[in-house]
Amino acid sequence: MESVIIVTGAAGFIGSCLTGFLNDKGFENLILVDDFSREDKILNLSTKKFIARIEREEFFNWLNEEKPSVDFFFHLGARTDTTEFDYSVHQKLNVEYSQLVWKYCTTHQVRLVYASSAATYGNGSMGYDDNHELPFQLSPLNPYGKSKNEFDKWALKENSSPPFWAGLKFFNVYGPNEYHKGRMASVIFHSFNQIRENGFVKLFRSHKEGFKDGEQLRDFVYVKDVINVCFWMMEQEQKIPSGLYNLGTGKARTFLDLALASFSGLDIKPDIRFIDMPEDIRESYQYYTQANMKKLISSGYQIPMYSLEAGIGDYVRNYLAPARYY
């Protein structure tokens, strides 16, 4: 078998976009890993080219038996539901599974990019710097964020590692192929559907002093930028240091900005209404996130990021409105 690229979480939002992007770049020697039982994810991969599709639970046994020659490993699979409060679920899928991936890449000298998360930063009181001391001081607000931070800490303490590794701390990613995500889909996705159905958008009221309704801030990053960075890291041939890297735009924007851009993408006059935030997420809600992007940029990444308006415009006009997949 020729050298291959492994993508876990391949049927999901970012994983399926990366798979399509790799196909566009001429890579079809892909091993895709996921829980493929979810029918609502099937269309994410319907046009993609790959050489094998392996169930998540069977993957490591398959690797032992088939012994493929693997060139690169994108580990994007995770339990990403921030409303799943049973930590054991996150421990198994986000920590222990990731440790198995790490150990495989270390043993077989395979370069690794894995998905971390801005959820590791908690309420942001410690800032948003991707240095290697901060993870040991952070207090994430939910089990998902905690599990991602636990793996980051574990990786940083490991004596043996893959020849190159990067943990990408994804900020608020939006874009095509998130149709299956339900409540966990981006606010842009929900805004588009609300405008289509009702003609208006509902945003959460602020439940925190110092933030007006709709002026909660997030670093929204378009999925096309995320997959550009992933691919760039694969192509670097270890010219950049291993470690944790923030992946946002470096510019926080309000949910109000986001809603207005969504209306603009549909050429509709804005109508925004405010509702109370659900009780189950109120205490763990991040009111401000903004990636410090100096490390990635100083490593040589020079592709300009989409602005919020440009990203939402592309997403709404070219994917959501025609119901297209990436």
C-alpha atoms as a PDB file:
ATOM      1  CA  MET A   1       0.000   0.000   0.000  1.00  0.00           C
ATOM      2  CA  GLU A   2       1.397   3.433  -0.921  1.00  0.00           C
ATOM      3  CA  SER A   3       1.880   6.073   1.776  1.00  0.00           C
ATOM      4  CA  VAL A   4      -1.463   7.155   3.088  1.00  0.00           C
ATOM      5  CA  ILE A   5      -3.067   9.942   5.081  1.00  0.00           C
ATOM      6  CA  ILE A   6      -5.400   9.074   7.960  1.00  0.00           C
ATOM      7  CA  VAL A   7      -8.299  11.371   8.870  1.00  0.00           C
ATOM      8  CA  THR A   8     -10.329  10.598  12.003  1.00  0.00           C
ATOM      9  CA  GLY A   9     -13.693  12.296  12.441  1.00  0.00           C
ATOM     10  CA  ALA A  10     -13.782  12.107   8.645  1.00  0.00           C
ATOM     11  CA  ALA A  11     -17.584  12.083   8.341  1.00  0.00           C
ATOM     12  CA  GLY A  12     -17.934  15.098  10.617  1.00  0.00           C
ATOM     13  CA  PHE A  13     -17.902  18.803   9.869  1.00  0.00           C
ATOM     14  CA  ILE A  14     -14.191  19.712   9.731  1.00  0.00           C
ATOM     15  CA  GLY A  15     -13.022  16.188   8.846  1.00  0.00           C
ATOM     16  CA  SER A  16     -15.206  15.932   5.751  1.00  0.00           C
ATOM     17  CA  CYS A  17     -14.145  19.410   4.578  1.00  0.00           C
ATOM     18  CA  LEU A  18     -10.478  18.427   5.025  1.00  0.00           C
ATOM     19  CA  THR A  19     -11.109  15.193   3.106  1.00  0.00           C
ATOM     20  CA  GLY A  20     -12.597  17.194   0.209  1.00  0.00           C
ATOM     21  CA  PHE A  21      -9.719  19.659   0.320  1.00  0.00           C
ATOM     22  CA  LEU A  22      -7.155  16.827   0.218  1.00  0.00           C
ATOM     23  CA  ASN A  23      -9.020  15.342  -2.767  1.00  0.00           C
ATOM     24  CA  ASP A  24      -8.847  18.748  -4.502  1.00  0.00           C
ATOM     25  CA  LYS A  25      -5.078  18.757  -3.924  1.00  0.00           C
ATOM     26  CA  GLY A  26      -4.771  15.329  -5.562  1.00  0.00           C
ATOM     27  CA  PHE A  27      -4.705  13.130  -2.456  1.00  0.00           C
ATOM     28  CA  GLU A  28      -7.045  10.153  -2.728  1.00  0.00           C
ATOM     29  CA  ASN A  29      -4.925   7.709  -0.684  1.00  0.00           C
ATOM     30  CA  LEU A  30      -6.980   8.444   2.418  1.00  0.00           C
ATOM     31  CA  ILE A  31      -8.033   6.198   5.284  1.00  0.00           C
ATOM     32  CA  LEU A  32     -11.175   7.650   6.819  1.00  0.00           C
ATOM     33  CA  VAL A  33     -12.117   6.841  10.417  1.00  0.00           C
ATOM     34  CA  ASP A  34     -15.398   7.677  12.184  1.00  0.00           C
ATOM     35  CA  ASP A  35     -18.586   6.259  13.618  1.00  0.00           C
ATOM     36  CA  PHE A  36     -20.236   5.725  10.237  1.00  0.00           C
ATOM     37  CA  SER A  37     -23.563   4.586  11.686  1.00  0.00           C
ATOM     38  CA  ARG A  38     -24.949   8.147  11.622  1.00  0.00           C
ATOM     39  CA  GLU A  39     -27.029   8.489   8.464  1.00  0.00           C
ATOM     40  CA  ASP A  40     -27.188  12.273   8.809  1.00  0.00           C
ATOM     41  CA  LYS A  41     -23.430  12.415   8.084  1.00  0.00           C
ATOM     42  CA  ILE A  42     -23.458  10.272   4.924  1.00  0.00           C
ATOM     43  CA  LEU A  43     -23.810  13.194   2.503  1.00  0.00           C
ATOM     44  CA  ASN A  44     -20.676  14.817   3.975  1.00  0.00           C
ATOM     45  CA  LEU A  45     -18.637  12.103   2.233  1.00  0.00           C
ATOM     46  CA  SER A  46     -20.832  11.253  -0.764  1.00  0.00           C
ATOM     47  CA  THR A  47     -18.484  12.759  -3.379  1.00  0.00           C
ATOM     48  CA  LYS A  48     -15.178  12.123  -1.588  1.00  0.00           C
ATOM     49  CA  LYS A  49     -12.467   9.724  -2.779  1.00  0.00           C
ATOM     50  CA  PHE A  50     -10.601   7.426  -0.362  1.00  0.00           C
ATOM     51  CA  ILE A  51      -9.115   3.939  -0.147  1.00  0.00           C
ATOM     52  CA  ALA A  52     -10.609   2.703   3.137  1.00  0.00           C
ATOM     53  CA  ARG A  53     -13.363   3.601   5.572  1.00  0.00           C
ATOM     54  CA  ILE A  54     -12.853   2.153   9.063  1.00  0.00           C
ATOM     55  CA  GLU A  55     -15.206   2.213  12.048  1.00  0.00           C
ATOM     56  CA  ARG A  56     -13.728   4.097  14.997  1.00  0.00           C
ATOM     57  CA  GLU A  57     -14.002   1.118  17.355  1.00  0.00           C
ATOM     58  CA  GLU A  58     -12.243  -1.225  14.937  1.00  0.00           C
ATOM     59  CA  PHE A  59      -9.529   1.158  13.810  1.00  0.00           C
ATOM     60  CA  PHE A  60      -6.573   0.137  15.984  1.00  0.00           C
ATOM     61  CA  ASN A  61      -7.153  -3.558  15.359  1.00  0.00           C
ATOM     62  CA  TRP A  62      -7.286  -2.760  11.638  1.00  0.00           C
ATOM     63  CA  LEU A  63      -3.979  -0.874  11.852  1.00  0.00           C
ATOM     64  CA  ASN A  64      -2.311  -3.837  13.570  1.00  0.00           C
ATOM     65  CA  GLU A  65      -3.553  -6.258  10.940  1.00  0.00           C
ATOM     66  CA  GLU A  66      -3.114  -4.181   7.768  1.00  0.00           C
ATOM     67  CA  LYS A  67       0.048  -2.296   8.768  1.00  0.00           C
ATOM     68  CA  PRO A  68      -0.392   0.530   6.242  1.00  0.00           C
ATOM     69  CA  SER A  69       2.525   2.842   5.442  1.00  0.00           C
ATOM     70  CA  VAL A  70       1.162   6.077   6.901  1.00  0.00           C
ATOM     71  CA  ASP A  71       2.660   9.425   5.972  1.00  0.00           C
ATOM     72  CA  PHE A  72       0.445  11.779   7.975  1.00  0.00           C
ATOM     73  CA  PHE A  73      -2.296  11.566  10.612  1.00  0.00           C
ATOM     74  CA  PHE A  74      -5.089  14.142  11.069  1.00  0.00           C
ATOM     75  CA  HIS A  75      -6.867  13.308  14.320  1.00  0.00           C
ATOM     76  CA  LEU A  76     -10.052  15.410  14.200  1.00  0.00           C
ATOM     77  CA  GLY A  77     -12.448  12.882  15.721  1.00  0.00           C
ATOM     78  CA  ALA A  78     -13.861  13.796  19.140  1.00  0.00           C
ATOM     79  CA  ARG A  79     -16.996  14.034  21.216  1.00  0.00           C
ATOM     80  CA  THR A  80     -17.649  17.745  20.713  1.00  0.00           C
ATOM     81  CA  ASP A  81     -20.989  18.128  22.488  1.00  0.00           C
ATOM     82  CA  THR A  82     -20.538  20.817  25.160  1.00  0.00           C
ATOM     83  CA  THR A  83     -23.893  19.842  26.718  1.00  0.00           C
ATOM     84  CA  GLU A  84     -22.703  16.259  27.369  1.00  0.00           C
ATOM     85  CA  PHE A  85     -21.886  16.449  31.079  1.00  0.00           C
ATOM     86  CA  ASP A  86     -20.899  12.811  31.601  1.00  0.00           C
ATOM     87  CA  TYR A  87     -17.138  13.238  31.733  1.00  0.00           C
ATOM     88  CA  SER A  88     -16.480   9.531  31.227  1.00  0.00           C
ATOM     89  CA  VAL A  89     -17.728   9.882  27.626  1.00  0.00           C
ATOM     90  CA  HIS A  90     -15.196  12.663  26.951  1.00  0.00           C
ATOM     91  CA  GLN A  91     -12.452  10.801  28.837  1.00  0.00           C
ATOM     92  CA  LYS A  92     -12.859   7.730  26.630  1.00  0.00           C
ATOM     93  CA  LEU A  93     -13.175   9.458  23.234  1.00  0.00           C
ATOM     94  CA  ASN A  94     -11.198  12.668  23.680  1.00  0.00           C
ATOM     95  CA  VAL A  95      -8.411  11.623  26.043  1.00  0.00           C
ATOM     96  CA  GLU A  96      -7.849   7.851  25.894  1.00  0.00           C
ATOM     97  CA  TYR A  97      -8.514   7.492  22.151  1.00  0.00           C
ATOM     98  CA  SER A  98      -6.196  10.431  21.454  1.00  0.00           C
ATOM     99  CA  GLN A  99      -3.483   8.815  23.595  1.00  0.00           C
ATOM    100  CA  LEU A 100      -3.728   5.687  21.410  1.00  0.00           C
ATOM    101  CA  VAL A 101      -3.371   7.866  18.300  1.00  0.00           C
ATOM    102  CA  TRP A 102      -0.318   9.608  19.805  1.00  0.00           C
ATOM    103  CA  LYS A 103       1.314   6.310  20.747  1.00  0.00           C
ATOM    104  CA  TYR A 104       0.715   4.892  17.257  1.00  0.00           C
ATOM    105  CA  CYS A 105       2.264   7.991  15.634  1.00  0.00           C
ATOM    106  CA  THR A 106       5.214   7.882  18.034  1.00  0.00           C
ATOM    107  CA  THR A 107       5.899   4.173  17.464  1.00  0.00           C
ATOM    108  CA  HIS A 108       5.575   4.382  13.675  1.00  0.00           C
ATOM    109  CA  GLN A 109       7.149   7.852  13.286  1.00  0.00           C
ATOM    110  CA  VAL A 110       4.053   9.397  11.728  1.00  0.00           C
ATOM    111  CA  ARG A 111       3.538  13.169  11.769  1.00  0.00           C
ATOM    112  CA  LEU A 112       0.386  14.222  13.625  1.00  0.00           C
ATOM    113  CA  VAL A 113      -2.024  17.155  13.666  1.00  0.00           C
ATOM    114  CA  TYR A 114      -4.831  16.850  16.195  1.00  0.00           C
ATOM    115  CA  ALA A 115      -7.820  18.973  17.148  1.00  0.00           C
ATOM    116  CA  SER A 116      -7.635  20.761  20.456  1.00  0.00           C
ATOM    117  CA  SER A 117     -10.095  23.546  21.265  1.00  0.00           C
ATOM    118  CA  ALA A 118     -10.481  27.109  22.509  1.00  0.00           C
ATOM    119  CA  ALA A 119     -12.873  25.575  25.064  1.00  0.00           C
ATOM    120  CA  THR A 120      -9.689  24.731  26.994  1.00  0.00           C
ATOM    121  CA  TYR A 121      -9.333  28.434  27.867  1.00  0.00           C
ATOM    122  CA  GLY A 122     -12.411  28.465  30.105  1.00  0.00           C
ATOM    123  CA  ASN A 123     -13.722  31.934  30.910  1.00  0.00           C
ATOM    124  CA  GLY A 124     -10.676  33.570  29.347  1.00  0.00           C
ATOM    125  CA  SER A 125      -9.389  35.084  32.598  1.00  0.00           C
ATOM    126  CA  MET A 126      -5.936  33.610  31.881  1.00  0.00           C
ATOM    127  CA  GLY A 127      -5.906  34.971  28.329  1.00  0.00           C
ATOM    128  CA  TYR A 128      -5.725  33.116  24.999  1.00  0.00           C
ATOM    129  CA  ASP A 129      -2.020  32.447  24.517  1.00  0.00           C
ATOM    130  CA  ASP A 130      -0.907  29.130  23.031  1.00  0.00           C
ATOM    131  CA  ASN A 131       2.254  28.856  25.112  1.00  0.00           C
ATOM    132  CA  HIS A 132       3.017  25.556  26.812  1.00  0.00           C
ATOM    133  CA  GLU A 133       2.783  26.723  30.427  1.00  0.00           C
ATOM    134  CA  LEU A 134      -0.832  27.903  30.295  1.00  0.00           C
ATOM    135  CA  PRO A 135      -2.662  24.544  29.922  1.00  0.00           C
ATOM    136  CA  PHE A 136      -1.517  23.581  33.434  1.00  0.00           C
ATOM    137  CA  GLN A 137      -3.217  26.678  34.875  1.00  0.00           C
ATOM    138  CA  LEU A 138      -6.504  26.587  32.942  1.00  0.00           C
ATOM    139  CA  SER A 139      -9.984  25.761  34.279  1.00  0.00           C
ATOM    140  CA  PRO A 140     -12.266  24.832  31.342  1.00  0.00           C
ATOM    141  CA  LEU A 141     -15.976  25.468  31.874  1.00  0.00           C
ATOM    142  CA  ASN A 142     -17.366  22.114  30.669  1.00  0.00           C
ATOM    143  CA  PRO A 143     -16.351  18.443  30.419  1.00  0.00           C
ATOM    144  CA  TYR A 144     -15.569  18.801  26.699  1.00  0.00           C
ATOM    145  CA  GLY A 145     -13.094  21.640  27.313  1.00  0.00           C
ATOM    146  CA  LYS A 146     -11.609  19.796  30.273  1.00  0.00           C
ATOM    147  CA  SER A 147     -11.002  16.639  28.206  1.00  0.00           C
ATOM    148  CA  LYS A 148      -9.284  18.618  25.451  1.00  0.00           C
ATOM    149  CA  ASN A 149      -7.056  20.367  27.996  1.00  0.00           C
ATOM    150  CA  GLU A 150      -6.239  17.084  29.747  1.00  0.00           C
ATOM    151  CA  PHE A 151      -4.950  15.641  26.495  1.00  0.00           C
ATOM    152  CA  ASP A 152      -2.941  18.795  25.706  1.00  0.00           C
ATOM    153  CA  LYS A 153      -1.287  18.549  29.147  1.00  0.00           C
ATOM    154  CA  TRP A 154      -0.620  14.842  28.692  1.00  0.00           C
ATOM    155  CA  ALA A 155       0.991  15.456  25.272  1.00  0.00           C
ATOM    156  CA  LEU A 156       3.192  18.252  26.615  1.00  0.00           C
ATOM    157  CA  LYS A 157       4.493  16.006  29.406  1.00  0.00           C
ATOM    158  CA  GLU A 158       5.237  12.995  27.199  1.00  0.00           C
ATOM    159  CA  ASN A 159       8.927  12.149  26.807  1.00  0.00           C
ATOM    160  CA  SER A 160       8.412  10.399  23.472  1.00  0.00           C
ATOM    161  CA  SER A 161       6.439  12.002  20.663  1.00  0.00           C
ATOM    162  CA  PRO A 162       5.727  11.818  16.926  1.00  0.00           C
ATOM    163  CA  PRO A 163       8.446  13.317  14.667  1.00  0.00           C
ATOM    164  CA  PHE A 164       6.193  16.356  14.315  1.00  0.00           C
ATOM    165  CA  TRP A 165       2.976  17.137  16.155  1.00  0.00           C
ATOM    166  CA  ALA A 166       0.621  20.078  16.430  1.00  0.00           C
ATOM    167  CA  GLY A 167      -2.446  20.479  18.629  1.00  0.00           C
ATOM    168  CA  LEU A 168      -4.672  23.042  16.918  1.00  0.00           C
ATOM    169  CA  LYS A 169      -6.839  25.001  19.317  1.00  0.00           C
ATOM    170  CA  PHE A 170      -9.873  25.586  17.107  1.00  0.00           C
ATOM    171  CA  PHE A 171     -11.877  28.677  17.996  1.00  0.00           C
ATOM    172  CA  ASN A 172     -15.477  29.094  16.761  1.00  0.00           C
ATOM    173  CA  VAL A 173     -15.401  27.238  13.453  1.00  0.00           C
ATOM    174  CA  TYR A 174     -18.308  27.624  11.006  1.00  0.00           C
ATOM    175  CA  GLY A 175     -18.919  26.565   7.432  1.00  0.00           C
ATOM    176  CA  PRO A 176     -20.362  23.886   5.141  1.00  0.00           C
ATOM    177  CA  ASN A 177     -20.986  20.253   6.169  1.00  0.00           C
ATOM    178  CA  GLU A 178     -22.325  21.046   9.641  1.00  0.00           C
ATOM    179  CA  TYR A 179     -25.911  20.165   8.677  1.00  0.00           C
ATOM    180  CA  HIS A 180     -25.865  17.132  11.032  1.00  0.00           C
ATOM    181  CA  LYS A 181     -24.755  18.999  14.156  1.00  0.00           C
ATOM    182  CA  GLY A 182     -28.162  20.079  15.450  1.00  0.00           C
ATOM    183  CA  ARG A 183     -27.887  22.270  18.520  1.00  0.00           C
ATOM    184  CA  MET A 184     -24.068  22.228  18.286  1.00  0.00           C
ATOM    185  CA  ALA A 185     -24.021  23.740  14.770  1.00  0.00           C
ATOM    186  CA  SER A 186     -22.649  27.272  14.411  1.00  0.00           C
ATOM    187  CA  VAL A 187     -24.747  30.335  15.158  1.00  0.00           C
ATOM    188  CA  ILE A 188     -24.465  31.220  11.448  1.00  0.00           C
ATOM    189  CA  PHE A 189     -26.176  27.950  10.527  1.00  0.00           C
ATOM    190  CA  HIS A 190     -28.986  28.576  13.020  1.00  0.00           C
ATOM    191  CA  SER A 191     -29.306  32.227  11.973  1.00  0.00           C
ATOM    192  CA  PHE A 192     -29.693  31.259   8.321  1.00  0.00           C
ATOM    193  CA  ASN A 193     -32.458  28.764   9.151  1.00  0.00           C
ATOM    194  CA  GLN A 194     -34.264  31.238  11.397  1.00  0.00           C
ATOM    195  CA  ILE A 195     -34.181  33.915   8.690  1.00  0.00           C
ATOM    196  CA  ARG A 196     -35.489  31.426   6.121  1.00  0.00           C
ATOM    197  CA  GLU A 197     -38.306  30.208   8.393  1.00  0.00           C
ATOM    198  CA  ASN A 198     -39.280  33.317  10.379  1.00  0.00           C
ATOM    199  CA  GLY A 199     -37.641  36.324   8.764  1.00  0.00           C
ATOM    200  CA  PHE A 200     -35.806  37.157  11.999  1.00  0.00           C
ATOM    201  CA  VAL A 201     -32.880  35.925  14.109  1.00  0.00           C
ATOM    202  CA  LYS A 202     -32.989  35.130  17.822  1.00  0.00           C
ATOM    203  CA  LEU A 203     -29.810  35.851  19.805  1.00  0.00           C
ATOM    204  CA  PHE A 204     -29.118  35.191  23.466  1.00  0.00           C
ATOM    205  CA  ARG A 205     -29.509  38.051  25.918  1.00  0.00           C
ATOM    206  CA  SER A 206     -26.430  38.851  27.947  1.00  0.00           C
ATOM    207  CA  HIS A 207     -26.487  37.545  31.512  1.00  0.00           C
ATOM    208  CA  LYS A 208     -23.216  39.209  32.418  1.00  0.00           C
ATOM    209  CA  GLU A 209     -22.395  42.766  33.443  1.00  0.00           C
ATOM    210  CA  GLY A 210     -20.376  44.707  30.900  1.00  0.00           C
ATOM    211  CA  PHE A 211     -21.838  42.895  27.886  1.00  0.00           C
ATOM    212  CA  LYS A 212     -24.908  44.256  26.098  1.00  0.00           C
ATOM    213  CA  ASP A 213     -27.362  41.858  24.467  1.00  0.00           C
ATOM    214  CA  GLY A 214     -25.829  40.412  21.301  1.00  0.00           C
ATOM    215  CA  GLU A 215     -22.419  41.884  22.056  1.00  0.00           C
ATOM    216  CA  GLN A 216     -20.916  38.677  23.387  1.00  0.00           C
ATOM    217  CA  LEU A 217     -17.661  38.275  21.458  1.00  0.00           C
ATOM    218  CA  ARG A 218     -16.200  35.277  19.699  1.00  0.00           C
ATOM    219  CA  ASP A 219     -13.300  34.567  17.386  1.00  0.00           C
ATOM    220  CA  PHE A 220     -15.267  33.094  14.459  1.00  0.00           C
ATOM    221  CA  VAL A 221     -13.056  31.221  11.992  1.00  0.00           C
ATOM    222  CA  TYR A 222     -14.200  29.916   8.598  1.00  0.00           C
ATOM    223  CA  VAL A 223     -13.627  26.199   8.040  1.00  0.00           C
ATOM    224  CA  LYS A 224     -11.763  26.952   4.791  1.00  0.00           C
ATOM    225  CA  ASP A 225      -9.097  28.711   6.873  1.00  0.00           C
ATOM    226  CA  VAL A 226      -8.937  25.758   9.273  1.00  0.00           C
ATOM    227  CA  ILE A 227      -8.310  23.237   6.493  1.00  0.00           C
ATOM    228  CA  ASN A 228      -5.770  25.570   4.870  1.00  0.00           C
ATOM    229  CA  VAL A 229      -3.775  25.572   8.110  1.00  0.00           C
ATOM    230  CA  CYS A 230      -4.067  21.776   8.474  1.00  0.00           C
ATOM    231  CA  PHE A 231      -2.782  21.244   4.938  1.00  0.00           C
ATOM    232  CA  TRP A 232      -0.013  23.826   5.356  1.00  0.00           C
ATOM    233  CA  MET A 233       1.240  21.962   8.429  1.00  0.00           C
ATOM    234  CA  MET A 234       1.344  18.693   6.491  1.00  0.00           C
ATOM    235  CA  GLU A 235       3.334  20.338   3.691  1.00  0.00           C
ATOM    236  CA  GLN A 236       5.887  21.981   6.002  1.00  0.00           C
ATOM    237  CA  GLU A 237       8.077  18.869   6.360  1.00  0.00           C
ATOM    238  CA  GLN A 238       8.820  19.726   9.988  1.00  0.00           C
ATOM    239  CA  LYS A 239      10.048  23.246   9.295  1.00  0.00           C
ATOM    240  CA  ILE A 240       7.904  24.478  12.173  1.00  0.00           C
ATOM    241  CA  PRO A 241       8.216  23.602  15.867  1.00  0.00           C
ATOM    242  CA  SER A 242       5.916  20.961  17.329  1.00  0.00           C
ATOM    243  CA  GLY A 243       3.404  22.173  19.906  1.00  0.00           C
ATOM    244  CA  LEU A 244       0.059  23.826  20.518  1.00  0.00           C
ATOM    245  CA  TYR A 245      -1.200  26.413  18.028  1.00  0.00           C
ATOM    246  CA  ASN A 246      -4.210  28.687  18.241  1.00  0.00           C
ATOM    247  CA  LEU A 247      -6.423  28.578  15.172  1.00  0.00           C
ATOM    248  CA  GLY A 248      -8.746  31.544  15.002  1.00  0.00           C
ATOM    249  CA  THR A 249      -8.615  34.832  13.120  1.00  0.00           C
ATOM    250  CA  GLY A 250      -7.155  36.841  15.981  1.00  0.00           C
ATOM    251  CA  LYS A 251     -10.125  39.232  15.802  1.00  0.00           C
ATOM    252  CA  ALA A 252     -13.137  38.844  18.097  1.00  0.00           C
ATOM    253  CA  ARG A 253     -16.517  39.836  16.637  1.00  0.00           C
ATOM    254  CA  THR A 254     -19.974  40.147  18.181  1.00  0.00           C
ATOM    255  CA  PHE A 255     -22.946  37.871  17.581  1.00  0.00           C
ATOM    256  CA  LEU A 256     -24.702  41.018  16.360  1.00  0.00           C
ATOM    257  CA  ASP A 257     -22.032  41.381  13.628  1.00  0.00           C
ATOM    258  CA  LEU A 258     -22.589  37.737  12.743  1.00  0.00           C
ATOM    259  CA  ALA A 259     -26.370  38.081  12.480  1.00  0.00           C
ATOM    260  CA  LEU A 260     -26.072  41.218  10.347  1.00  0.00           C
ATOM    261  CA  ALA A 261     -23.644  39.437   7.996  1.00  0.00           C
ATOM    262  CA  SER A 262     -26.101  36.533   7.727  1.00  0.00           C
ATOM    263  CA  PHE A 263     -28.909  38.901   6.653  1.00  0.00           C
ATOM    264  CA  SER A 264     -26.511  40.584   4.237  1.00  0.00           C
ATOM    265  CA  GLY A 265     -25.635  37.207   2.674  1.00  0.00           C
ATOM    266  CA  LEU A 266     -29.335  36.707   1.957  1.00  0.00           C
ATOM    267  CA  ASP A 267     -29.905  40.345   0.898  1.00  0.00           C
ATOM    268  CA  ILE A 268     -32.612  40.680   3.561  1.00  0.00           C
ATOM    269  CA  LYS A 269     -33.283  43.618   5.932  1.00  0.00           C
ATOM    270  CA  PRO A 270     -32.072  42.705   9.464  1.00  0.00           C
ATOM    271  CA  ASP A 271     -34.589  41.778  12.175  1.00  0.00           C
ATOM    272  CA  ILE A 272     -32.878  40.629  15.405  1.00  0.00           C
ATOM    273  CA  ARG A 273     -34.712  39.604  18.605  1.00  0.00           C
ATOM    274  CA  PHE A 274     -33.299  38.562  21.967  1.00  0.00           C
ATOM    275  CA  ILE A 275     -34.158  35.510  24.086  1.00  0.00           C
ATOM    276  CA  ASP A 276     -32.923  34.243  27.458  1.00  0.00           C
ATOM    277  CA  MET A 277     -29.959  31.905  27.395  1.00  0.00           C
ATOM    278  CA  PRO A 278     -30.861  28.301  28.348  1.00  0.00           C
ATOM    279  CA  GLU A 279     -30.157  27.555  32.018  1.00  0.00           C
ATOM    280  CA  ASP A 280     -28.011  24.496  31.230  1.00  0.00           C
ATOM    281  CA  ILE A 281     -25.316  26.514  29.464  1.00  0.00           C
ATOM    282  CA  ARG A 282     -25.611  29.860  31.277  1.00  0.00           C
ATOM    283  CA  GLU A 283     -22.901  29.203  33.878  1.00  0.00           C
ATOM    284  CA  SER A 284     -20.419  27.738  31.387  1.00  0.00           C
ATOM    285  CA  TYR A 285     -20.902  30.305  28.611  1.00  0.00           C
ATOM    286  CA  GLN A 286     -17.856  32.072  27.159  1.00  0.00           C
ATOM    287  CA  TYR A 287     -18.511  35.795  26.666  1.00  0.00           C
ATOM    288  CA  TYR A 288     -15.242  36.588  24.928  1.00  0.00           C
ATOM    289  CA  THR A 289     -12.700  34.566  22.949  1.00  0.00           C
ATOM    290  CA  GLN A 290      -9.891  35.905  20.793  1.00  0.00           C
ATOM    291  CA  ALA A 291      -6.986  33.828  19.567  1.00  0.00           C
ATOM    292  CA  ASN A 292      -3.466  35.139  19.933  1.00  0.00           C
ATOM    293  CA  MET A 293      -2.248  34.138  16.463  1.00  0.00           C
ATOM    294  CA  LYS A 294       1.392  35.262  16.772  1.00  0.00           C
ATOM    295  CA  LYS A 295       2.829  31.741  17.041  1.00  0.00           C
ATOM    296  CA  LEU A 296       1.262  30.450  13.815  1.00  0.00           C
ATOM    297  CA  ILE A 297       2.118  33.621  11.888  1.00  0.00           C
ATOM    298  CA  SER A 298       5.713  33.703  13.177  1.00  0.00           C
ATOM    299  CA  SER A 299       6.025  30.055  12.068  1.00  0.00           C
ATOM    300  CA  GLY A 300       5.534  31.281   8.508  1.00  0.00           C
ATOM    301  CA  TYR A 301       1.798  30.962   7.861  1.00  0.00           C
ATOM    302  CA  GLN A 302       0.911  33.801   5.476  1.00  0.00           C
ATOM    303  CA  ILE A 303      -2.441  32.940   3.867  1.00  0.00           C
ATOM    304  CA  PRO A 304      -4.891  35.748   4.770  1.00  0.00           C
ATOM    305  CA  MET A 305      -7.874  34.659   6.884  1.00  0.00           C
ATOM    306  CA  TYR A 306     -11.441  35.258   5.746  1.00  0.00           C
ATOM    307  CA  SER A 307     -13.098  38.234   7.419  1.00  0.00           C
ATOM    308  CA  LEU A 308     -16.385  37.408   9.160  1.00  0.00           C
ATOM    309  CA  GLU A 309     -18.336  39.121   6.360  1.00  0.00           C
ATOM    310  CA  ALA A 310     -16.434  37.337   3.567  1.00  0.00           C
ATOM    311  CA  GLY A 311     -16.655  33.937   5.268  1.00  0.00           C
ATOM    312  CA  ILE A 312     -20.360  34.189   6.047  1.00  0.00           C
ATOM    313  CA  GLY A 313     -21.066  35.573   2.583  1.00  0.00           C
ATOM    314  CA  ASP A 314     -19.358  32.563   0.975  1.00  0.00           C
ATOM    315  CA  TYR A 315     -21.027  30.102   3.351  1.00  0.00           C
ATOM    316  CA  VAL A 316     -24.540  31.495   2.940  1.00  0.00           C
ATOM    317  CA  ARG A 317     -24.478  32.115  -0.829  1.00  0.00           C
ATOM    318  CA  ASN A 318     -22.525  29.066  -1.982  1.00  0.00           C
ATOM    319  CA  TYR A 319     -23.508  26.375   0.533  1.00  0.00           C
ATOM    320  CA  LEU A 320     -26.499  27.137   2.797  1.00  0.00           C
ATOM    321  CA  ALA A 321     -28.792  28.821   0.251  1.00  0.00           C
ATOM    322  CA  PRO A 322     -28.354  26.087  -2.430  1.00  0.00           C
ATOM    323  CA  ALA A 323     -28.051  23.347   0.305  1.00  0.00           C
ATOM    324  CA  ARG A 324     -24.635  22.318  -1.059  1.00  0.00           C
ATOM    325  CA  TYR A 325     -21.877  20.324   0.597  1.00  0.00           C
ATOM    326  CA  TYR A 326     -18.154  21.065   0.503  1.00  0.00           C
END
